Protein backbone atom coordinates (compact mmCIF):
# COMPACT_ATOMS: atom_id res chain seq x y z
CA MET A 1 -14.52 26.73 2.76
CA ALA A 2 -10.93 25.58 4.14
CA ALA A 3 -8.59 23.21 2.35
CA LEU A 4 -8.98 19.58 3.89
CA GLY A 5 -5.25 19.16 2.66
CA THR A 6 -2.26 19.90 0.38
CA VAL A 7 -1.08 18.54 -2.96
CA GLN A 8 2.80 17.11 -2.16
CA THR A 9 5.36 15.40 -4.18
CA VAL A 10 5.40 11.75 -2.79
CA VAL A 11 7.38 9.10 -3.66
CA VAL A 12 5.35 5.40 -4.68
CA CYS A 13 5.97 1.95 -4.97
CA ILE A 14 5.11 0.34 -8.59
CA PRO A 15 5.02 -2.82 -10.06
CA GLY A 16 8.13 -2.79 -12.13
CA THR A 17 11.79 -3.91 -12.67
CA SER A 18 13.38 -1.06 -14.52
CA GLY A 19 13.95 1.86 -12.14
CA ILE A 20 15.14 2.58 -8.67
CA GLN A 21 14.07 -0.38 -6.31
CA GLY A 22 15.02 1.97 -2.87
CA ALA A 23 12.74 0.80 -0.09
CA CYS A 24 10.17 -1.00 -2.44
CA PRO A 25 9.50 -4.54 -2.02
CA THR A 26 10.96 -6.85 -4.95
CA GLY A 27 9.38 -6.13 -7.81
CA SER A 28 8.63 -2.95 -7.43
CA VAL A 29 10.43 0.25 -7.97
CA GLU A 30 10.14 4.23 -6.96
CA SER A 31 7.84 6.51 -8.53
CA VAL A 32 7.87 10.15 -8.17
CA THR A 33 4.20 11.68 -8.55
CA GLN A 34 1.85 14.46 -7.15
CA ALA A 35 -0.88 13.39 -4.67
CA TYR A 36 -3.74 15.05 -2.58
CA LEU A 37 -2.70 14.68 1.13
CA VAL A 38 -5.35 14.97 3.59
CA ALA A 39 -4.15 17.45 6.83
CA PRO A 40 -3.88 15.16 10.22
CA SER A 41 -6.33 17.52 11.59
CA GLU A 42 -8.98 16.64 8.93
CA ALA A 43 -8.32 12.99 9.07
CA ALA A 44 -10.62 12.02 12.04
CA ARG A 45 -13.75 13.36 9.58
CA PHE A 46 -12.47 10.63 6.87
CA ASP A 47 -12.14 8.24 9.46
CA LEU A 48 -15.96 8.73 10.66
CA MET A 49 -17.23 8.32 6.89
CA ALA A 50 -15.15 5.27 6.30
CA ASP A 51 -17.23 3.22 9.55
CA PRO A 52 -18.59 0.10 8.47
CA PHE A 53 -22.29 -0.46 7.17
CA ASP A 54 -23.90 -1.02 10.51
CA ALA A 55 -27.33 -3.39 9.73
CA GLY A 56 -28.86 -2.79 12.87
CA VAL A 57 -29.05 1.30 12.67
CA ALA A 58 -30.18 0.72 9.17
CA GLY A 59 -33.09 -1.55 10.39
CA GLN A 60 -34.12 1.09 13.34
CA TYR A 61 -34.05 3.66 10.49
CA PHE A 62 -36.36 1.64 8.12
CA GLY A 63 -38.81 0.39 10.93
CA PHE A 64 -39.13 4.29 11.81
CA ALA A 65 -39.59 5.41 8.57
CA PHE A 66 -42.40 2.60 7.73
CA ALA A 67 -44.05 2.85 11.23
CA SER A 68 -44.43 6.50 10.24
CA THR A 69 -45.90 6.27 6.92
CA LEU A 70 -48.18 3.56 8.51
CA PHE A 71 -48.99 5.65 11.07
CA VAL A 72 -50.06 8.83 8.60
CA TRP A 73 -51.72 6.23 6.36
CA LEU A 74 -54.36 5.05 8.96
CA ILE A 75 -54.69 8.91 10.45
CA SER A 76 -55.48 10.04 6.57
CA LEU A 77 -57.68 6.72 6.38
CA GLY A 78 -59.61 7.62 9.32
CA ALA A 79 -60.28 11.16 8.33
CA GLY A 80 -61.28 9.94 5.15
CA MET A 81 -63.96 7.66 6.60
CA VAL A 82 -65.21 10.74 8.87
CA ILE A 83 -65.39 13.06 5.97
CA LYS A 84 -67.23 10.49 3.87
CA MET A 85 -69.80 9.76 6.93
CA VAL A 86 -70.33 13.68 7.40
CA LYS A 87 -70.78 14.04 3.45
CA SER A 88 -73.63 11.77 3.44
CA ALA A 89 -75.18 12.41 6.74
């Protein structure tokens, strides 16, 4: 499997007063840490996974599953009645 990104050394802003403020907003200081950064070519894959929940699509999936289950149950009920009728004949 190809790597989705690389481990890089990055500068981040953390809350605090002691340290170098640099480009950080007031009340924050710079800190150096390592982070796993996603490659730009893989960013679209993560953006697709971050789509918001769509209740309409979820309802369609539920309706299809419910209707399929009901259909199979009704077919089984009918088959059971036919088998019962053949047994008692």
